[in-house]
Amino acid sequence: MELEALSTLADQFAAAGATLVLISPQLPEHNAAIAKDKGLSVDILSDPGNVTAARYGLKYQMPDDLITIYQQFGLDVAKHNGDDSWTLPMPAALIIDGDGIVRHTNINADYTNRPEPEDTLAALKEIR
């Protein structure tokens, strides 16, 4: 899914009684630049050091071969995240209720396979 489409989905989440937020380990200024560039009306929250990702068991250490590939493409995760850990969260979508209870998860250890927001919206409607 293209990031630009998330703004429309955010309205659908709101109609279902939920708030759609994105969480990224990137520094706030990098998240703000993405939001501006893509015209997002969805909040992108910063998770410095992947603390929240770790709390949910989603933080992983990038292997050296993947770090090398990223560097070859000029992608500097450490710079954008503001630390030298080269850690990322696994792609995940979570539905967490007002009491902090996780009601639904869609997690994939393959960083190239990201959850579709429409699937999360359908799960939210089922839970409601």
Protein backbone atom coordinates (compact mmCIF):
# COMPACT_ATOMS: atom_id res chain seq x y z
CA MET A 1 0.00 0.00 0.00
CA GLU A 2 1.18 3.49 -0.77
CA LEU A 3 1.62 5.75 2.24
CA GLU A 4 -0.61 8.40 0.70
CA ALA A 5 -3.62 6.03 0.92
CA LEU A 6 -3.27 5.82 4.71
CA SER A 7 -4.91 9.20 5.21
CA THR A 8 -8.14 7.89 3.71
CA LEU A 9 -7.91 4.73 5.79
CA ALA A 10 -7.43 6.82 8.93
CA ASP A 11 -10.98 8.14 8.48
CA GLN A 12 -12.28 4.57 8.22
CA PHE A 13 -10.43 3.60 11.40
CA ALA A 14 -11.94 6.63 13.16
CA ALA A 15 -15.42 5.61 12.00
CA ALA A 16 -14.75 2.20 13.58
CA GLY A 17 -13.80 3.87 16.87
CA ALA A 18 -10.02 3.61 16.55
CA THR A 19 -7.02 5.78 15.81
CA LEU A 20 -4.52 4.76 13.15
CA VAL A 21 -0.94 5.65 14.01
CA LEU A 22 2.38 4.67 12.52
CA ILE A 23 5.38 4.02 14.74
CA SER A 24 8.92 4.33 13.43
CA PRO A 25 12.33 4.26 15.10
CA GLN A 26 13.34 7.23 12.97
CA LEU A 27 14.00 10.59 14.57
CA PRO A 28 10.97 12.93 14.61
CA GLU A 29 12.42 15.20 11.93
CA HIS A 30 12.75 12.28 9.50
CA ASN A 31 9.19 11.14 10.24
CA ALA A 32 7.93 14.70 9.74
CA ALA A 33 9.73 14.92 6.39
CA ILE A 34 8.09 11.68 5.21
CA ALA A 35 4.66 12.87 6.39
CA LYS A 36 5.10 16.17 4.55
CA ASP A 37 6.51 14.56 1.40
CA LYS A 38 3.67 12.02 1.22
CA GLY A 39 0.93 14.42 2.37
CA LEU A 40 0.01 12.23 5.33
CA SER A 41 -2.60 13.24 7.86
CA VAL A 42 -1.74 10.15 9.94
CA ASP A 43 0.54 10.60 12.92
CA ILE A 44 3.97 8.99 12.71
CA LEU A 45 5.23 8.49 16.24
CA SER A 46 8.95 8.14 16.92
CA ASP A 47 10.20 5.14 18.86
CA PRO A 48 13.82 6.03 19.69
CA GLY A 49 15.93 2.93 20.17
CA ASN A 50 12.95 0.74 19.22
CA VAL A 51 11.90 0.69 22.88
CA THR A 52 8.22 0.15 22.06
CA ALA A 53 9.08 -2.40 19.38
CA ALA A 54 11.16 -4.30 21.93
CA ARG A 55 8.29 -4.21 24.45
CA TYR A 56 6.12 -6.05 21.92
CA GLY A 57 8.89 -8.43 20.83
CA LEU A 58 9.24 -6.77 17.42
CA LYS A 59 12.79 -5.37 17.59
CA TYR A 60 15.43 -7.15 15.56
CA GLN A 61 19.09 -6.60 14.89
CA MET A 62 19.83 -6.20 11.20
CA PRO A 63 22.34 -8.83 10.03
CA ASP A 64 25.67 -7.62 8.70
CA ASP A 65 24.91 -8.64 5.11
CA LEU A 66 21.69 -6.60 5.12
CA ILE A 67 23.49 -3.61 6.65
CA THR A 68 26.00 -3.81 3.80
CA ILE A 69 23.20 -3.84 1.21
CA TYR A 70 21.52 -0.85 2.85
CA GLN A 71 24.80 1.03 2.89
CA GLN A 72 25.39 0.24 -0.79
CA PHE A 73 22.08 1.92 -1.56
CA GLY A 74 23.01 4.92 0.59
CA LEU A 75 20.47 4.05 3.28
CA ASP A 76 21.81 4.95 6.69
CA VAL A 77 19.47 3.47 9.30
CA ALA A 78 21.76 4.56 12.12
CA LYS A 79 21.63 8.20 11.00
CA HIS A 80 17.85 8.25 10.57
CA ASN A 81 17.28 6.48 13.88
CA GLY A 82 19.74 8.62 15.79
CA ASP A 83 21.75 5.70 17.16
CA ASP A 84 24.25 3.17 15.89
CA SER A 85 22.28 0.03 16.74
CA TRP A 86 21.12 -0.86 13.23
CA THR A 87 17.91 -2.29 14.70
CA LEU A 88 14.47 -2.15 13.13
CA PRO A 89 11.00 -3.26 14.12
CA MET A 90 9.46 -6.21 12.31
CA PRO A 91 6.58 -5.16 10.08
CA ALA A 92 3.52 -5.37 12.29
CA ALA A 93 -0.01 -4.15 12.75
CA LEU A 94 -1.50 -4.31 16.23
CA ILE A 95 -4.93 -3.52 17.56
CA ILE A 96 -4.60 -2.43 21.18
CA ASP A 97 -7.67 -1.54 23.18
CA GLY A 98 -8.07 1.35 25.60
CA ASP A 99 -6.87 -0.84 28.48
CA GLY A 100 -3.63 -1.68 26.67
CA ILE A 101 -4.69 -5.23 25.80
CA VAL A 102 -3.51 -6.46 22.41
CA ARG A 103 -6.62 -7.70 20.62
CA HIS A 104 -5.13 -8.51 17.20
CA THR A 105 -1.70 -8.88 15.64
CA ASN A 106 -0.37 -9.23 12.13
CA ILE A 107 3.40 -9.66 12.37
CA ASN A 108 5.86 -10.94 9.80
CA ALA A 109 9.55 -11.53 10.40
CA ASP A 110 10.16 -10.89 6.69
CA TYR A 111 10.74 -7.15 6.47
CA THR A 112 9.61 -7.16 2.82
CA ASN A 113 6.14 -8.45 3.75
CA ARG A 114 4.18 -5.67 5.40
CA PRO A 115 0.68 -5.98 6.84
CA GLU A 116 -2.07 -4.42 4.76
CA PRO A 117 -4.01 -1.75 6.66
CA GLU A 118 -7.26 -2.97 5.08
CA ASP A 119 -6.73 -6.33 6.82
CA THR A 120 -6.26 -4.56 10.14
CA LEU A 121 -9.39 -2.51 9.54
CA ALA A 122 -11.35 -5.69 8.81
CA ALA A 123 -10.02 -7.27 12.04
CA LEU A 124 -11.00 -4.12 13.96
CA LYS A 125 -14.55 -4.30 12.63
CA GLU A 126 -14.72 -7.96 13.60
CA ILE A 127 -13.57 -7.17 17.14
CA ARG A 128 -16.08 -4.34 17.51
